[in-house]
C-alpha atoms as a PDB file:
ATOM      1  CA  UNK A   1      74.499 136.167 194.465  1.00  0.00           C
ATOM      2  CA  UNK A   2      73.745 137.140 198.071  1.00  0.00           C
ATOM      3  CA  UNK A   3      77.447 137.626 198.755  1.00  0.00           C
ATOM      4  CA  UNK A   4      77.799 139.799 195.682  1.00  0.00           C
ATOM      5  CA  UNK A   5      74.894 142.015 196.763  1.00  0.00           C
ATOM      6  CA  UNK A   6      76.256 142.303 200.298  1.00  0.00           C
ATOM      7  CA  UNK A   7      79.743 143.206 199.111  1.00  0.00           C
ATOM      8  CA  UNK A   8      78.731 145.706 196.406  1.00  0.00           C
ATOM      9  CA  UNK A   9      76.349 147.465 198.820  1.00  0.00           C
ATOM     10  CA  UNK A  10      78.964 147.583 201.584  1.00  0.00           C
ATOM     11  CA  UNK A  11      81.520 149.023 199.170  1.00  0.00           C
ATOM     12  CA  UNK A  12      78.987 151.588 197.900  1.00  0.00           C
ATOM     13  CA  UNK A  13      78.240 152.653 201.474  1.00  0.00           C
ATOM     14  CA  UNK A  14      81.942 152.982 202.248  1.00  0.00           C
ATOM     15  CA  UNK A  15      82.583 154.957 199.055  1.00  0.00           C
ATOM     16  CA  UNK A  16      79.974 157.518 200.107  1.00  0.00           C
ATOM     17  CA  UNK A  17      81.595 157.828 203.547  1.00  0.00           C
ATOM     18  CA  UNK A  18      85.078 158.107 202.108  1.00  0.00           C
ATOM     19  CA  UNK A  19      84.026 160.743 199.588  1.00  0.00           C
ATOM     20  CA  UNK A  20      82.328 162.759 202.345  1.00  0.00           C
ATOM     21  CA  UNK A  21      85.484 162.574 204.451  1.00  0.00           C
ATOM     22  CA  UNK A  22      87.588 163.719 201.495  1.00  0.00           C
ATOM     23  CA  UNK A  23      85.147 166.570 200.819  1.00  0.00           C
ATOM     24  CA  UNK A  24      85.468 167.814 204.392  1.00  0.00           C
ATOM     25  CA  UNK A  25      89.255 167.801 204.183  1.00  0.00           C
ATOM     26  CA  UNK A  26      89.358 169.415 200.742  1.00  0.00           C
ATOM     27  CA  UNK A  27      91.167 166.433 199.228  1.00  0.00           C
ATOM     28  CA  UNK A  28      90.898 164.762 195.839  1.00  0.00           C
ATOM     29  CA  UNK A  29      87.409 163.245 195.530  1.00  0.00           C
ATOM     30  CA  UNK A  30      85.858 160.062 194.216  1.00  0.00           C
ATOM     31  CA  UNK A  31      84.231 160.678 190.838  1.00  0.00           C
ATOM     32  CA  UNK A  32      80.437 160.726 190.762  1.00  0.00           C
ATOM     33  CA  UNK A  33      80.711 158.330 187.832  1.00  0.00           C
ATOM     34  CA  UNK A  34      82.341 155.787 190.155  1.00  0.00           C
ATOM     35  CA  UNK A  35      79.551 156.139 192.703  1.00  0.00           C
ATOM     36  CA  UNK A  36      76.945 155.622 189.972  1.00  0.00           C
ATOM     37  CA  UNK A  37      78.800 152.616 188.557  1.00  0.00           C
ATOM     38  CA  UNK A  38      78.706 150.889 191.935  1.00  0.00           C
ATOM     39  CA  UNK A  39      75.051 151.850 192.380  1.00  0.00           C
ATOM     40  CA  UNK A  40      74.141 150.495 188.940  1.00  0.00           C
ATOM     41  CA  UNK A  41      76.106 147.321 189.654  1.00  0.00           C
ATOM     42  CA  UNK A  42      73.656 146.539 192.467  1.00  0.00           C
ATOM     43  CA  UNK A  43      74.954 148.805 195.211  1.00  0.00           C
ATOM     44  CA  UNK A  44      72.208 151.433 195.154  1.00  0.00           C
ATOM     45  CA  UNK A  45      70.852 150.422 198.559  1.00  0.00           C
ATOM     46  CA  UNK A  46      74.231 150.874 200.233  1.00  0.00           C
ATOM     47  CA  UNK A  47      74.871 154.115 198.357  1.00  0.00           C
ATOM     48  CA  UNK A  48      71.460 155.522 199.340  1.00  0.00           C
ATOM     49  CA  UNK A  49      71.959 154.570 202.991  1.00  0.00           C
ATOM     50  CA  UNK A  50      75.412 156.149 202.859  1.00  0.00           C
ATOM     51  CA  UNK A  51      74.061 159.264 201.193  1.00  0.00           C
ATOM     52  CA  UNK A  52      71.544 159.882 203.966  1.00  0.00           C
ATOM     53  CA  UNK A  53      73.730 158.520 206.766  1.00  0.00           C
ATOM     54  CA  UNK A  54      76.695 160.728 205.890  1.00  0.00           C
ATOM     55  CA  UNK A  55      74.522 163.616 204.563  1.00  0.00           C
ATOM     56  CA  UNK A  56      76.499 163.451 201.350  1.00  0.00           C
ATOM     57  CA  UNK A  57      75.290 164.412 197.869  1.00  0.00           C
ATOM     58  CA  UNK A  58      71.820 165.161 199.271  1.00  0.00           C
ATOM     59  CA  UNK A  59      71.694 168.527 197.483  1.00  0.00           C
ATOM     60  CA  UNK A  60      72.226 166.901 194.093  1.00  0.00           C
ATOM     61  CA  UNK A  61      68.794 166.167 192.620  1.00  0.00           C
ATOM     62  CA  UNK A  62      70.062 163.233 190.611  1.00  0.00           C
ATOM     63  CA  UNK A  63      71.426 161.589 193.741  1.00  0.00           C
ATOM     64  CA  UNK A  64      68.545 162.652 196.035  1.00  0.00           C
ATOM     65  CA  UNK A  65      65.914 161.117 193.753  1.00  0.00           C
ATOM     66  CA  UNK A  66      67.872 158.736 191.549  1.00  0.00           C
ATOM     67  CA  UNK A  67      69.605 156.659 194.213  1.00  0.00           C
ATOM     68  CA  UNK A  68      66.442 155.909 196.226  1.00  0.00           C
ATOM     69  CA  UNK A  69      64.569 154.962 193.043  1.00  0.00           C
ATOM     70  CA  UNK A  70      67.418 152.729 191.948  1.00  0.00           C
ATOM     71  CA  UNK A  71      67.540 151.212 195.441  1.00  0.00           C
ATOM     72  CA  UNK A  72      63.809 150.388 195.254  1.00  0.00           C
ATOM     73  CA  UNK A  73      64.412 148.806 191.854  1.00  0.00           C
ATOM     74  CA  UNK A  74      67.297 146.753 193.305  1.00  0.00           C
ATOM     75  CA  UNK A  75      65.081 145.576 196.175  1.00  0.00           C
ATOM     76  CA  UNK A  76      62.314 144.546 193.764  1.00  0.00           C
ATOM     77  CA  UNK A  77      64.749 142.597 191.598  1.00  0.00           C
ATOM     78  CA  UNK A  78      66.202 140.922 194.680  1.00  0.00           C
ATOM     79  CA  UNK A  79      62.721 139.922 195.915  1.00  0.00           C
ATOM     80  CA  UNK A  80      61.734 138.599 192.482  1.00  0.00           C
ATOM     81  CA  UNK A  81      64.906 136.527 192.185  1.00  0.00           C
ATOM     82  CA  UNK A  82      64.862 135.153 195.733  1.00  0.00           C
ATOM     83  CA  UNK A  83      61.199 134.533 196.550  1.00  0.00           C
END
C-alpha cells in the first residue's frame, strides 16, 4: 500500500507539472477529470503540492479548496490505516 500511495502521488504531482507546461506552450492539455481521478485514487497530496509548487489551477475554487481538503482526508486515512 505504501508503494501505491507513493506512486499515485508522484504521478499526480507530475501531471500537474506537465499540464502547467502544456498550458504555457498553448498545447493540448490534460483533462481536469484526469487530475481529479488521480487525486481521488489517493494522489491528492501530490496533486496539491504540484498545484501550489507549479502555481497551476490555483484560481479554480474547486482545485484551490477541494484538493487540500482531499489531501487532508488522504493523510487521515493513511494515519488510521498505518498507526
